[in-house]
Each structure stands twice: as structure tokens, then as C-alpha cells.
């Protein structure tokens, strides 16, 4: 996502592109080929505002990027997701292979390839966070139709309590979805540095 798709004043973002898979760096339309506007929780808006001010870039740069301005790819997200799970004691980091690599300048560096192994029966991937958010929102009583729209799910299979009539005839605005951003703020926003 680039900064021109983030509206900090109105606390919203336009989701218009996504990584096509977890391996390549190809960007395309989000799931189900549908773009959507989503409201942002206050704490996330505050963090994004600080990031924008800190990096001082223009609207055509990536929101989540390296120092050189290139976007974080799926490998970066996956690695950091598993590193966080390792710190929380949910997965264990194991060395699978070690090797020496000769750099372009002729120096040698020792490299390690890691595998992350779950310490319970669940296999977690970054996408699991979407399902966790869905579960948490419904558990605190958020409207199922609004949760579906907020997360960008096109079918009721993700939220089985929706009827076919609800699916076809419910149309929500960004303002309607602000309720979900407020619930997310209540669930997760406390304790962040504003």
C-alpha cells in the first residue's frame, strides 16, 4: 500500500492491491478482485501518522518499506511473523542448514536457514491473523455482516450465520464499518504509545 491510499485525516485506507501469494513479489487485486475502503482504528492511525512524519516521504512511496523505499515483501512479513511467535513461545526456531556465502566484494559470510516448528497442534501462518480478528470481533458482539465487509470476505462461508438474503441485499458504507474499527481499537488499541 502506498501513502496515497491512506487517508490519515479521515482515518481510512483503500485496499486496492495485495501480494498474489506467499512466494512471489507480484502485486494484484485483493482477494475476490474487490477493492474496499476500510476505517482505521485510532491507535493504528496514530502509528501510521508517526511513521509518515518520521520517514518524510511523499504520497507515492510504500507505507511499509525498507530504508531504500522498496516495499516489504511476503518473505519479510512471514519471517517477522514467525520471529514474533518465537518470542511468544508459540513456535520454535530450528536451524535446517548452514552454509558459507561469498559476497560480491569477495568477503565470506556464514548463513543459516531456519524452520519454525509449532509447539502445539496448530499451524499458524500470517493469514491466521485475519481469522483470529474475525473470531474476536464476533465474540464481542460485532455485527457479522459488518465484520464480513470489513475483512473483505465475499461469501458467507467465512461467517456462517449470514443468510442468502443478507448476503445479496446488505450494502454498507465506510461509515457503517467505522463501528468495526472502534471495536478493534477497544480490543487491541490500549497499551499502544499514542
Protein backbone atom coordinates (compact mmCIF):
# COMPACT_ATOMS: atom_id res chain seq x y z
CA UNK A 1 0.00 0.00 0.00
CA UNK A 2 1.26 3.44 -0.83
CA UNK A 3 0.65 6.57 1.21
CA UNK A 4 -1.74 7.98 -1.40
CA UNK A 5 -4.18 5.20 -0.39
CA UNK A 6 -4.06 6.15 3.32
CA UNK A 7 -6.31 8.98 4.46
CA UNK A 8 -4.95 9.90 7.90
CA UNK A 9 -7.36 12.81 8.29
CA UNK A 10 -10.43 10.61 7.86
CA UNK A 11 -8.79 7.53 9.42
CA UNK A 12 -9.33 5.24 6.43
CA UNK A 13 -7.38 3.25 3.85
CA UNK A 14 -8.18 1.98 0.38
CA UNK A 15 -7.25 -1.67 0.00
CA UNK A 16 -6.60 -1.99 -3.72
CA UNK A 17 -3.60 -4.33 -4.05
CA UNK A 18 -2.26 -7.42 -2.30
CA UNK A 19 0.51 -9.96 -2.67
CA UNK A 20 -0.73 -12.68 -5.03
CA UNK A 21 0.89 -15.44 -2.96
CA UNK A 22 3.45 -16.02 -0.22
CA UNK A 23 6.36 -16.69 -2.57
CA UNK A 24 6.50 -14.11 -5.37
CA UNK A 25 6.58 -10.34 -5.08
CA UNK A 26 3.74 -9.94 -7.56
CA UNK A 27 1.05 -7.47 -6.55
CA UNK A 28 -2.50 -7.64 -7.84
CA UNK A 29 -6.09 -7.05 -6.84
CA UNK A 30 -7.06 -8.20 -3.33
CA UNK A 31 -8.95 -11.45 -2.78
CA UNK A 32 -12.09 -11.77 -4.89
CA UNK A 33 -10.76 -8.92 -7.05
CA UNK A 34 -12.56 -6.33 -4.93
CA UNK A 35 -11.07 -3.10 -3.66
CA UNK A 36 -12.54 -1.63 -0.49
CA UNK A 37 -12.29 1.34 1.83
CA UNK A 38 -11.78 0.42 5.46
CA UNK A 39 -11.80 2.66 8.50
CA UNK A 40 -8.66 2.53 10.65
CA UNK A 41 -8.64 2.22 14.43
CA UNK A 42 -7.37 5.37 16.16
CA UNK A 43 -4.22 3.71 17.52
CA UNK A 44 -3.26 2.45 14.05
CA UNK A 45 -3.90 5.89 12.54
CA UNK A 46 -1.63 7.42 15.20
CA UNK A 47 1.13 4.89 14.45
CA UNK A 48 0.82 5.49 10.70
CA UNK A 49 0.91 9.26 11.19
CA UNK A 50 4.13 8.94 13.23
CA UNK A 51 5.65 6.69 10.56
CA UNK A 52 4.75 9.12 7.79
CA UNK A 53 6.24 12.05 9.71
CA UNK A 54 9.38 10.07 10.58
CA UNK A 55 10.23 8.88 7.08
CA UNK A 56 9.20 12.14 5.41
CA UNK A 57 8.37 10.58 2.09
CA UNK A 58 5.80 11.63 -0.49
CA UNK A 59 2.42 10.08 -1.29
CA UNK A 60 3.90 7.77 -3.95
CA UNK A 61 6.06 5.75 -1.53
CA UNK A 62 5.26 2.50 0.24
CA UNK A 63 3.76 2.61 3.73
CA UNK A 64 5.74 -0.44 4.84
CA UNK A 65 9.18 -0.25 3.26
CA UNK A 66 12.90 -0.72 3.67
CA UNK A 67 15.16 2.28 4.15
CA UNK A 68 15.69 2.41 0.39
CA UNK A 69 11.92 2.73 -0.15
CA UNK A 70 11.32 -0.75 -1.57
CA UNK A 71 8.23 -2.49 -0.14
CA UNK A 72 8.48 -5.27 2.39
CA UNK A 73 7.68 -8.45 0.50
CA UNK A 74 5.89 -11.59 1.63
CA UNK A 75 9.15 -13.13 2.89
CA UNK A 76 9.76 -10.17 5.24
CA UNK A 77 6.23 -10.37 6.65
CA UNK A 78 6.40 -14.16 7.12
CA UNK A 79 9.85 -14.02 8.79
CA UNK A 80 8.79 -11.30 11.22
CA UNK A 81 5.51 -13.09 11.96
CA UNK A 82 7.40 -16.26 12.94
CA UNK A 83 10.02 -14.31 14.88
CA UNK A 84 7.18 -12.77 16.94
CA UNK A 85 5.66 -16.22 17.51
CA UNK A 86 9.09 -17.48 18.60
CA UNK A 87 9.43 -14.65 21.15
CA UNK A 88 5.95 -15.53 22.48
CA UNK A 89 6.90 -19.22 22.83
CA UNK A 90 4.34 -20.41 20.28
CA UNK A 91 6.85 -21.77 17.76
CA UNK A 92 10.43 -23.00 17.99
CA UNK A 93 13.14 -21.82 15.60
CA UNK A 94 15.37 -24.65 14.29
CA UNK A 95 18.44 -24.45 12.06
CA UNK A 96 17.83 -26.59 8.97
CA UNK A 97 21.02 -25.82 7.07
CA UNK A 98 24.19 -23.75 7.36
CA UNK A 99 26.49 -22.61 4.57
CA UNK A 100 29.11 -20.03 3.65
CA UNK A 101 28.31 -17.44 1.01
CA UNK A 102 30.82 -15.37 -0.95
CA UNK A 103 29.61 -11.81 -1.34
CA UNK A 104 30.20 -9.64 -4.41
CA UNK A 105 33.05 -7.86 -2.65
CA UNK A 106 34.82 -11.21 -2.08
CA UNK A 107 34.16 -11.47 1.65
CA UNK A 108 32.62 -14.56 3.13
CA UNK A 109 29.53 -14.65 5.33
CA UNK A 110 28.09 -17.57 7.26
CA UNK A 111 24.38 -18.10 6.57
CA UNK A 112 21.72 -20.18 8.33
CA UNK A 113 18.38 -21.40 7.03
CA UNK A 114 15.69 -21.73 9.69
CA UNK A 115 12.45 -23.63 10.06
CA UNK A 116 9.78 -22.65 12.54
CA UNK A 117 8.04 -25.54 14.27
CA UNK A 118 4.76 -25.15 16.13
CA UNK A 119 4.80 -26.12 19.80
CA UNK A 120 1.12 -27.10 19.67
CA UNK A 121 -1.21 -28.81 17.20
CA UNK A 122 -1.95 -25.62 15.24
CA UNK A 123 -0.13 -24.46 12.15
CA UNK A 124 -0.08 -20.68 12.13
CA UNK A 125 0.58 -18.51 9.12
CA UNK A 126 0.30 -14.72 8.82
CA UNK A 127 -3.17 -15.15 7.26
CA UNK A 128 -4.29 -16.74 10.57
CA UNK A 129 -4.47 -13.21 12.00
CA UNK A 130 -7.48 -12.45 9.77
CA UNK A 131 -9.32 -15.44 11.16
CA UNK A 132 -8.37 -14.52 14.72
CA UNK A 133 -9.64 -10.99 14.18
CA UNK A 134 -12.91 -12.37 12.79
CA UNK A 135 -13.29 -14.63 15.86
CA UNK A 136 -12.51 -11.84 18.32
CA UNK A 137 -14.90 -9.37 16.67
CA UNK A 138 -17.78 -11.85 16.65
CA UNK A 139 -17.02 -12.92 20.24
CA UNK A 140 -17.52 -9.36 21.50
CA UNK A 141 -20.77 -8.97 19.58
CA UNK A 142 -19.76 -7.14 16.40
CA UNK A 143 -22.32 -7.31 13.61
CA UNK A 144 -21.45 -10.30 11.40
CA UNK A 145 -22.33 -8.54 8.15
CA UNK A 146 -20.09 -5.58 9.03
CA UNK A 147 -17.25 -7.92 10.00
CA UNK A 148 -17.60 -9.69 6.66
CA UNK A 149 -17.46 -6.41 4.75
CA UNK A 150 -14.57 -5.05 6.84
CA UNK A 151 -12.45 -8.14 6.22
CA UNK A 152 -13.37 -8.22 2.54
CA UNK A 153 -14.97 -11.65 2.52
CA UNK A 154 -17.27 -12.13 -0.42
CA UNK A 155 -19.09 -15.25 0.70
CA UNK A 156 -20.91 -16.18 3.85
CA UNK A 157 -18.78 -19.32 4.27
CA UNK A 158 -16.42 -17.32 6.49
CA UNK A 159 -19.30 -16.20 8.72
CA UNK A 160 -21.92 -18.96 8.52
CA UNK A 161 -24.69 -17.07 10.38
CA UNK A 162 -25.42 -14.84 7.38
CA UNK A 163 -28.42 -15.78 5.28
CA UNK A 164 -28.55 -15.64 1.49
CA UNK A 165 -30.91 -12.69 1.69
CA UNK A 166 -28.47 -10.83 3.96
CA UNK A 167 -25.64 -11.60 1.51
CA UNK A 168 -27.39 -10.19 -1.51
CA UNK A 169 -29.16 -7.18 -0.09
CA UNK A 170 -26.90 -5.70 2.54
CA UNK A 171 -24.78 -2.77 1.36
CA UNK A 172 -22.55 -0.96 3.80
CA UNK A 173 -20.70 2.33 3.63
CA UNK A 174 -17.29 3.12 5.10
CA UNK A 175 -19.13 4.93 7.88
CA UNK A 176 -21.04 1.73 8.70
CA UNK A 177 -17.72 -0.09 9.00
CA UNK A 178 -16.28 2.51 11.40
CA UNK A 179 -18.04 0.57 14.16
CA UNK A 180 -15.69 -2.35 13.46
CA UNK A 181 -12.62 -0.08 13.63
CA UNK A 182 -13.88 1.19 17.00
CA UNK A 183 -14.27 -2.38 18.28
CA UNK A 184 -10.74 -3.21 17.09
CA UNK A 185 -9.49 -0.13 18.92
CA UNK A 186 -11.22 -1.32 22.10
CA UNK A 187 -9.79 -4.85 21.70
CA UNK A 188 -6.22 -4.05 20.72
CA UNK A 189 -5.56 -0.30 20.86
CA UNK A 190 -4.98 0.06 24.57
CA UNK A 191 -1.37 -0.03 25.59
CA UNK A 192 0.00 1.40 22.35
CA UNK A 193 2.02 4.55 22.57
CA UNK A 194 -0.17 7.36 21.27
